[in-house]
Amino acid sequence: SYLIENLKPLTNYEFAVRTIDGDLESDYSMAIEYSNVIYPIKQLNMITNNDPSKVTLTWQLPDDASGIRSFNIYYNEQDE
């Protein structure tokens, strides 16, 4: 195994391995792909409730949501 470090953010990678023995080299293995691209959510919506002190946010997941483990919600008060 080999640890590859310092990958650039928001980048797609492809990895393959081959063996080398002196002047002899094997074919590359089948390539695997890795992406550390984080896709934004789609269609953020706000649903107002009967209680003016509460709102519900809904959204659609990005097309590639396989690595998403959690969400951070940001909000702040705005001056009128």
PDB file of N, CA and C in Angstrom:
ATOM      1  N   SER A   1       0.845  -1.187   0.000  1.00  0.00           N
ATOM      2  CA  SER A   1       0.000   0.000   0.000  1.00  0.00           C
ATOM      3  C   SER A   1       0.883   1.241   0.000  1.00  0.00           C
ATOM      4  N   TYR A   2       0.295   2.347  -0.376  1.00  0.00           N
ATOM      5  CA  TYR A   2       1.024   3.610  -0.453  1.00  0.00           C
ATOM      6  C   TYR A   2       0.054   4.743  -0.154  1.00  0.00           C
ATOM      7  N   LEU A   3       0.433   5.632   0.740  1.00  0.00           N
ATOM      8  CA  LEU A   3      -0.389   6.778   1.103  1.00  0.00           C
ATOM      9  C   LEU A   3      -0.051   7.947   0.192  1.00  0.00           C
ATOM     10  N   ILE A   4      -1.029   8.453  -0.512  1.00  0.00           N
ATOM     11  CA  ILE A   4      -0.843   9.634  -1.362  1.00  0.00           C
ATOM     12  C   ILE A   4      -1.410  10.820  -0.604  1.00  0.00           C
ATOM     13  N   GLU A   5      -0.575  11.808  -0.378  1.00  0.00           N
ATOM     14  CA  GLU A   5      -0.969  12.958   0.429  1.00  0.00           C
ATOM     15  C   GLU A   5      -0.996  14.229  -0.409  1.00  0.00           C
ATOM     16  N   ASN A   6      -1.495  15.287   0.213  1.00  0.00           N
ATOM     17  CA  ASN A   6      -1.517  16.638  -0.362  1.00  0.00           C
ATOM     18  C   ASN A   6      -2.288  16.707  -1.678  1.00  0.00           C
ATOM     19  N   LEU A   7      -3.397  15.974  -1.748  1.00  0.00           N
ATOM     20  CA  LEU A   7      -4.242  16.078  -2.927  1.00  0.00           C
ATOM     21  C   LEU A   7      -4.886  17.461  -2.960  1.00  0.00           C
ATOM     22  N   LYS A   8      -5.017  18.011  -4.144  1.00  0.00           N
ATOM     23  CA  LYS A   8      -5.602  19.343  -4.297  1.00  0.00           C
ATOM     24  C   LYS A   8      -7.112  19.257  -4.088  1.00  0.00           C
ATOM     25  N   PRO A   9      -7.691  20.245  -3.405  1.00  0.00           N
ATOM     26  CA  PRO A   9      -9.143  20.236  -3.225  1.00  0.00           C
ATOM     27  C   PRO A   9      -9.863  20.432  -4.554  1.00  0.00           C
ATOM     28  N   LEU A  10     -11.075  19.965  -4.608  1.00  0.00           N
ATOM     29  CA  LEU A  10     -11.949  20.131  -5.774  1.00  0.00           C
ATOM     30  C   LEU A  10     -11.313  19.600  -7.048  1.00  0.00           C
ATOM     31  N   THR A  11     -10.725  18.405  -6.954  1.00  0.00           N
ATOM     32  CA  THR A  11      -9.993  17.819  -8.074  1.00  0.00           C
ATOM     33  C   THR A  11     -10.405  16.361  -8.258  1.00  0.00           C
ATOM     34  N   ASN A  12     -10.481  15.922  -9.495  1.00  0.00           N
ATOM     35  CA  ASN A  12     -10.721  14.517  -9.819  1.00  0.00           C
ATOM     36  C   ASN A  12      -9.380  13.837 -10.057  1.00  0.00           C
ATOM     37  N   TYR A  13      -9.236  12.617  -9.546  1.00  0.00           N
ATOM     38  CA  TYR A  13      -7.995  11.865  -9.708  1.00  0.00           C
ATOM     39  C   TYR A  13      -8.290  10.485 -10.282  1.00  0.00           C
ATOM     40  N   GLU A  14      -7.281   9.914 -10.928  1.00  0.00           N
ATOM     41  CA  GLU A  14      -7.327   8.540 -11.403  1.00  0.00           C
ATOM     42  C   GLU A  14      -6.030   7.875 -10.963  1.00  0.00           C
ATOM     43  N   PHE A  15      -6.139   6.667 -10.405  1.00  0.00           N
ATOM     44  CA  PHE A  15      -4.970   5.958  -9.904  1.00  0.00           C
ATOM     45  C   PHE A  15      -4.847   4.595 -10.582  1.00  0.00           C
ATOM     46  N   ALA A  16      -3.618   4.213 -10.889  1.00  0.00           N
ATOM     47  CA  ALA A  16      -3.307   2.884 -11.416  1.00  0.00           C
ATOM     48  C   ALA A  16      -1.915   2.514 -10.911  1.00  0.00           C
ATOM     49  N   VAL A  17      -1.643   1.216 -10.825  1.00  0.00           N
ATOM     50  CA  VAL A  17      -0.371   0.736 -10.286  1.00  0.00           C
ATOM     51  C   VAL A  17       0.205  -0.301 -11.245  1.00  0.00           C
ATOM     52  N   ARG A  18       1.532  -0.336 -11.328  1.00  0.00           N
ATOM     53  CA  ARG A  18       2.212  -1.394 -12.074  1.00  0.00           C
ATOM     54  C   ARG A  18       3.466  -1.793 -11.314  1.00  0.00           C
ATOM     55  N   THR A  19       3.974  -2.966 -11.610  1.00  0.00           N
ATOM     56  CA  THR A  19       5.201  -3.440 -10.967  1.00  0.00           C
ATOM     57  C   THR A  19       6.385  -3.217 -11.894  1.00  0.00           C
ATOM     58  N   ILE A  20       7.531  -3.006 -11.272  1.00  0.00           N
ATOM     59  CA  ILE A  20       8.777  -2.813 -12.016  1.00  0.00           C
ATOM     60  C   ILE A  20       9.827  -3.713 -11.383  1.00  0.00           C
ATOM     61  N   ASP A  21      10.535  -4.455 -12.208  1.00  0.00           N
ATOM     62  CA  ASP A  21      11.615  -5.332 -11.752  1.00  0.00           C
ATOM     63  C   ASP A  21      12.782  -5.121 -12.703  1.00  0.00           C
ATOM     64  N   GLY A  22      13.678  -4.231 -12.305  1.00  0.00           N
ATOM     65  CA  GLY A  22      14.802  -3.900 -13.180  1.00  0.00           C
ATOM     66  C   GLY A  22      14.307  -3.221 -14.445  1.00  0.00           C
ATOM     67  N   ASP A  23      14.586  -3.839 -15.599  1.00  0.00           N
ATOM     68  CA  ASP A  23      14.143  -3.286 -16.877  1.00  0.00           C
ATOM     69  C   ASP A  23      12.742  -3.757 -17.262  1.00  0.00           C
ATOM     70  N   LEU A  24      12.153  -4.654 -16.494  1.00  0.00           N
ATOM     71  CA  LEU A  24      10.837  -5.197 -16.825  1.00  0.00           C
ATOM     72  C   LEU A  24       9.742  -4.414 -16.121  1.00  0.00           C
ATOM     73  N   GLU A  25       8.683  -4.107 -16.861  1.00  0.00           N
ATOM     74  CA  GLU A  25       7.538  -3.384 -16.303  1.00  0.00           C
ATOM     75  C   GLU A  25       6.256  -4.103 -16.697  1.00  0.00           C
ATOM     76  N   SER A  26       5.350  -4.231 -15.751  1.00  0.00           N
ATOM     77  CA  SER A  26       4.056  -4.845 -16.054  1.00  0.00           C
ATOM     78  C   SER A  26       3.124  -3.804 -16.670  1.00  0.00           C
ATOM     79  N   ASP A  27       1.985  -4.276 -17.141  1.00  0.00           N
ATOM     80  CA  ASP A  27       0.932  -3.350 -17.550  1.00  0.00           C
ATOM     81  C   ASP A  27       0.368  -2.694 -16.291  1.00  0.00           C
ATOM     82  N   TYR A  28      -0.266  -1.543 -16.491  1.00  0.00           N
ATOM     83  CA  TYR A  28      -0.924  -0.890 -15.363  1.00  0.00           C
ATOM     84  C   TYR A  28      -2.162  -1.680 -14.951  1.00  0.00           C
ATOM     85  N   SER A  29      -2.484  -1.608 -13.682  1.00  0.00           N
ATOM     86  CA  SER A  29      -3.719  -2.208 -13.177  1.00  0.00           C
ATOM     87  C   SER A  29      -4.911  -1.439 -13.753  1.00  0.00           C
ATOM     88  N   MET A  30      -6.085  -1.967 -13.516  1.00  0.00           N
ATOM     89  CA  MET A  30      -7.287  -1.214 -13.870  1.00  0.00           C
ATOM     90  C   MET A  30      -7.277   0.060 -13.031  1.00  0.00           C
ATOM     91  N   ALA A  31      -7.625   1.160 -13.639  1.00  0.00           N
ATOM     92  CA  ALA A  31      -7.613   2.442 -12.936  1.00  0.00           C
ATOM     93  C   ALA A  31      -8.850   2.573 -12.055  1.00  0.00           C
ATOM     94  N   ILE A  32      -8.668   3.268 -10.941  1.00  0.00           N
ATOM     95  CA  ILE A  32      -9.798   3.644 -10.099  1.00  0.00           C
ATOM     96  C   ILE A  32      -9.831   5.156 -10.043  1.00  0.00           C
ATOM     97  N   GLU A  33     -11.021   5.691  -9.868  1.00  0.00           N
ATOM     98  CA  GLU A  33     -11.191   7.141  -9.837  1.00  0.00           C
ATOM     99  C   GLU A  33     -11.531   7.596  -8.430  1.00  0.00           C
ATOM    100  N   TYR A  34     -11.095   8.793  -8.118  1.00  0.00           N
ATOM    101  CA  TYR A  34     -11.388   9.411  -6.828  1.00  0.00           C
ATOM    102  C   TYR A  34     -11.670  10.878  -7.075  1.00  0.00           C
ATOM    103  N   SER A  35     -12.663  11.384  -6.399  1.00  0.00           N
ATOM    104  CA  SER A  35     -13.000  12.796  -6.527  1.00  0.00           C
ATOM    105  C   SER A  35     -13.188  13.383  -5.142  1.00  0.00           C
ATOM    106  N   ASN A  36     -12.524  14.483  -4.880  1.00  0.00           N
ATOM    107  CA  ASN A  36     -12.772  15.191  -3.625  1.00  0.00           C
ATOM    108  C   ASN A  36     -13.532  16.482  -3.909  1.00  0.00           C
ATOM    109  N   VAL A  37     -14.268  16.453  -5.007  1.00  0.00           N
ATOM    110  CA  VAL A  37     -15.125  17.581  -5.371  1.00  0.00           C
ATOM    111  C   VAL A  37     -16.387  17.493  -4.522  1.00  0.00           C
ATOM    112  N   ILE A  38     -16.759  18.587  -3.932  1.00  0.00           N
ATOM    113  CA  ILE A  38     -17.982  18.649  -3.143  1.00  0.00           C
ATOM    114  C   ILE A  38     -19.002  19.440  -3.942  1.00  0.00           C
ATOM    115  N   TYR A  39     -20.083  18.783  -4.289  1.00  0.00           N
ATOM    116  CA  TYR A  39     -21.108  19.417  -5.103  1.00  0.00           C
ATOM    117  C   TYR A  39     -22.099  20.150  -4.211  1.00  0.00           C
ATOM    118  N   PRO A  40     -22.538  21.324  -4.634  1.00  0.00           N
ATOM    119  CA  PRO A  40     -23.503  22.068  -3.818  1.00  0.00           C
ATOM    120  C   PRO A  40     -24.881  21.416  -3.847  1.00  0.00           C
ATOM    121  N   ILE A  41     -25.661  21.702  -2.830  1.00  0.00           N
ATOM    122  CA  ILE A  41     -27.037  21.214  -2.822  1.00  0.00           C
ATOM    123  C   ILE A  41     -27.830  21.955  -3.890  1.00  0.00           C
ATOM    124  N   LYS A  42     -28.990  21.423  -4.208  1.00  0.00           N
ATOM    125  CA  LYS A  42     -29.852  22.023  -5.224  1.00  0.00           C
ATOM    126  C   LYS A  42     -31.145  22.490  -4.575  1.00  0.00           C
ATOM    127  N   GLN A  43     -31.741  23.482  -5.141  1.00  0.00           N
ATOM    128  CA  GLN A  43     -33.079  23.947  -4.791  1.00  0.00           C
ATOM    129  C   GLN A  43     -33.308  24.066  -3.285  1.00  0.00           C
ATOM    130  N   LEU A  44     -32.648  25.021  -2.689  1.00  0.00           N
ATOM    131  CA  LEU A  44     -32.896  25.310  -1.282  1.00  0.00           C
ATOM    132  C   LEU A  44     -34.238  26.019  -1.172  1.00  0.00           C
ATOM    133  N   ASN A  45     -35.117  25.481  -0.348  1.00  0.00           N
ATOM    134  CA  ASN A  45     -36.452  26.056  -0.164  1.00  0.00           C
ATOM    135  C   ASN A  45     -36.693  26.321   1.309  1.00  0.00           C
ATOM    136  N   MET A  46     -37.539  27.311   1.559  1.00  0.00           N
ATOM    137  CA  MET A  46     -37.923  27.628   2.924  1.00  0.00           C
ATOM    138  C   MET A  46     -39.434  27.508   3.034  1.00  0.00           C
ATOM    139  N   ILE A  47     -39.889  26.779   4.033  1.00  0.00           N
ATOM    140  CA  ILE A  47     -41.314  26.625   4.293  1.00  0.00           C
ATOM    141  C   ILE A  47     -41.613  27.355   5.590  1.00  0.00           C
ATOM    142  N   THR A  48     -42.509  28.324   5.509  1.00  0.00           N
ATOM    143  CA  THR A  48     -42.905  29.038   6.724  1.00  0.00           C
ATOM    144  C   THR A  48     -44.025  28.262   7.393  1.00  0.00           C
ATOM    145  N   ASN A  49     -43.997  28.256   8.682  1.00  0.00           N
ATOM    146  CA  ASN A  49     -44.990  27.527   9.466  1.00  0.00           C
ATOM    147  C   ASN A  49     -45.965  28.510  10.084  1.00  0.00           C
ATOM    148  N   ASN A  50     -46.928  28.017  10.820  1.00  0.00           N
ATOM    149  CA  ASN A  50     -47.868  28.892  11.523  1.00  0.00           C
ATOM    150  C   ASN A  50     -47.186  29.665  12.637  1.00  0.00           C
ATOM    151  N   ASP A  51     -46.044  29.209  13.060  1.00  0.00           N
ATOM    152  CA  ASP A  51     -45.284  29.880  14.113  1.00  0.00           C
ATOM    153  C   ASP A  51     -44.251  30.786  13.447  1.00  0.00           C
ATOM    154  N   PRO A  52     -44.349  32.123  13.595  1.00  0.00           N
ATOM    155  CA  PRO A  52     -43.416  33.024  12.917  1.00  0.00           C
ATOM    156  C   PRO A  52     -41.980  32.921  13.424  1.00  0.00           C
ATOM    157  N   SER A  53     -41.763  32.177  14.493  1.00  0.00           N
ATOM    158  CA  SER A  53     -40.404  32.022  15.012  1.00  0.00           C
ATOM    159  C   SER A  53     -39.712  30.783  14.443  1.00  0.00           C
ATOM    160  N   LYS A  54     -40.373  30.096  13.482  1.00  0.00           N
ATOM    161  CA  LYS A  54     -39.806  28.864  12.935  1.00  0.00           C
ATOM    162  C   LYS A  54     -39.953  28.829  11.416  1.00  0.00           C
ATOM    163  N   VAL A  55     -38.960  28.263  10.764  1.00  0.00           N
ATOM    164  CA  VAL A  55     -39.046  27.940   9.338  1.00  0.00           C
ATOM    165  C   VAL A  55     -38.432  26.558   9.138  1.00  0.00           C
ATOM    166  N   THR A  56     -38.830  25.906   8.082  1.00  0.00           N
ATOM    167  CA  THR A  56     -38.257  24.621   7.711  1.00  0.00           C
ATOM    168  C   THR A  56     -37.516  24.790   6.397  1.00  0.00           C
ATOM    169  N   LEU A  57     -36.267  24.342   6.361  1.00  0.00           N
ATOM    170  CA  LEU A  57     -35.483  24.363   5.130  1.00  0.00           C
ATOM    171  C   LEU A  57     -35.518  22.976   4.506  1.00  0.00           C
ATOM    172  N   THR A  58     -35.704  22.934   3.187  1.00  0.00           N
ATOM    173  CA  THR A  58     -35.631  21.679   2.446  1.00  0.00           C
ATOM    174  C   THR A  58     -34.714  21.882   1.252  1.00  0.00           C
ATOM    175  N   TRP A  59     -34.120  20.793   0.779  1.00  0.00           N
ATOM    176  CA  TRP A  59     -33.255  20.873  -0.395  1.00  0.00           C
ATOM    177  C   TRP A  59     -33.161  19.509  -1.042  1.00  0.00           C
ATOM    178  N   GLN A  60     -32.641  19.525  -2.276  1.00  0.00           N
ATOM    179  CA  GLN A  60     -32.370  18.285  -2.988  1.00  0.00           C
ATOM    180  C   GLN A  60     -30.881  17.994  -2.892  1.00  0.00           C
ATOM    181  N   LEU A  61     -30.563  16.737  -2.770  1.00  0.00           N
ATOM    182  CA  LEU A  61     -29.160  16.338  -2.727  1.00  0.00           C
ATOM    183  C   LEU A  61     -28.512  16.525  -4.091  1.00  0.00           C
ATOM    184  N   PRO A  62     -27.203  16.750  -4.118  1.00  0.00           N
ATOM    185  CA  PRO A  62     -26.510  16.811  -5.407  1.00  0.00           C
ATOM    186  C   PRO A  62     -26.565  15.453  -6.111  1.00  0.00           C
ATOM    187  N   ASP A  63     -26.263  15.454  -7.399  1.00  0.00           N
ATOM    188  CA  ASP A  63     -26.301  14.208  -8.174  1.00  0.00           C
ATOM    189  C   ASP A  63     -25.386  13.145  -7.582  1.00  0.00           C
ATOM    190  N   ASP A  64     -24.207  13.537  -7.133  1.00  0.00           N
ATOM    191  CA  ASP A  64     -23.277  12.593  -6.512  1.00  0.00           C
ATOM    192  C   ASP A  64     -23.249  12.874  -5.016  1.00  0.00           C
ATOM    193  N   ALA A  65     -24.102  12.193  -4.273  1.00  0.00           N
ATOM    194  CA  ALA A  65     -24.211  12.426  -2.833  1.00  0.00           C
ATOM    195  C   ALA A  65     -23.607  11.288  -2.026  1.00  0.00           C
ATOM    196  N   SER A  66     -22.810  10.460  -2.661  1.00  0.00           N
ATOM    197  CA  SER A  66     -22.331   9.243  -2.016  1.00  0.00           C
ATOM    198  C   SER A  66     -21.438   9.494  -0.808  1.00  0.00           C
ATOM    199  N   GLY A  67     -20.698  10.596  -0.774  1.00  0.00           N
ATOM    200  CA  GLY A  67     -19.781  10.830   0.329  1.00  0.00           C
ATOM    201  C   GLY A  67     -20.295  11.794   1.383  1.00  0.00           C
ATOM    202  N   ILE A  68     -21.505  12.291   1.226  1.00  0.00           N
ATOM    203  CA  ILE A  68     -22.035  13.286   2.168  1.00  0.00           C
ATOM    204  C   ILE A  68     -22.426  12.599   3.465  1.00  0.00           C
ATOM    205  N   ARG A  69     -21.904  13.120   4.572  1.00  0.00           N
ATOM    206  CA  ARG A  69     -22.215  12.559   5.887  1.00  0.00           C
ATOM    207  C   ARG A  69     -23.039  13.511   6.738  1.00  0.00           C
ATOM    208  N   SER A  70     -22.952  14.808   6.462  1.00  0.00           N
ATOM    209  CA  SER A  70     -23.701  15.769   7.263  1.00  0.00           C
ATOM    210  C   SER A  70     -23.830  17.073   6.486  1.00  0.00           C
ATOM    211  N   PHE A  71     -24.595  17.991   7.037  1.00  0.00           N
ATOM    212  CA  PHE A  71     -24.788  19.308   6.451  1.00  0.00           C
ATOM    213  C   PHE A  71     -24.561  20.359   7.527  1.00  0.00           C
ATOM    214  N   ASN A  72     -24.039  21.499   7.136  1.00  0.00           N
ATOM    215  CA  ASN A  72     -23.948  22.652   8.020  1.00  0.00           C
ATOM    216  C   ASN A  72     -24.946  23.688   7.532  1.00  0.00           C
ATOM    217  N   ILE A  73     -25.747  24.196   8.444  1.00  0.00           N
ATOM    218  CA  ILE A  73     -26.721  25.230   8.114  1.00  0.00           C
ATOM    219  C   ILE A  73     -26.192  26.547   8.665  1.00  0.00           C
ATOM    220  N   TYR A  74     -26.106  27.542   7.799  1.00  0.00           N
ATOM    221  CA  TYR A  74     -25.646  28.870   8.205  1.00  0.00           C
ATOM    222  C   TYR A  74     -26.821  29.826   8.114  1.00  0.00           C
ATOM    223  N   TYR A  75     -27.003  30.624   9.145  1.00  0.00           N
ATOM    224  CA  TYR A  75     -28.000  31.688   9.074  1.00  0.00           C
ATOM    225  C   TYR A  75     -27.566  32.813   9.997  1.00  0.00           C
ATOM    226  N   ASN A  76     -28.036  34.011   9.695  1.00  0.00           N
ATOM    227  CA  ASN A  76     -27.769  35.154  10.563  1.00  0.00           C
ATOM    228  C   ASN A  76     -28.898  36.156  10.428  1.00  0.00           C
ATOM    229  N   GLU A  77     -28.997  37.029  11.392  1.00  0.00           N
ATOM    230  CA  GLU A  77     -30.007  38.084  11.354  1.00  0.00           C
ATOM    231  C   GLU A  77     -29.540  39.185  10.426  1.00  0.00           C
ATOM    232  N   GLN A  78     -30.480  39.756   9.693  1.00  0.00           N
ATOM    233  CA  GLN A  78     -30.158  40.866   8.809  1.00  0.00           C
ATOM    234  C   GLN A  78     -30.871  42.109   9.305  1.00  0.00           C
ATOM    235  N   ASP A  79     -30.174  43.231   9.211  1.00  0.00           N
ATOM    236  CA  ASP A  79     -30.798  44.500   9.563  1.00  0.00           C
ATOM    237  C   ASP A  79     -31.815  44.870   8.502  1.00  0.00           C
ATOM    238  N   GLU A  80     -32.881  45.524   8.934  1.00  0.00           N
ATOM    239  CA  GLU A  80     -33.907  45.949   7.965  1.00  0.00           C
ATOM    240  C   GLU A  80     -33.483  47.173   7.218  1.00  0.00           C
TER     241      GLU A  80
END
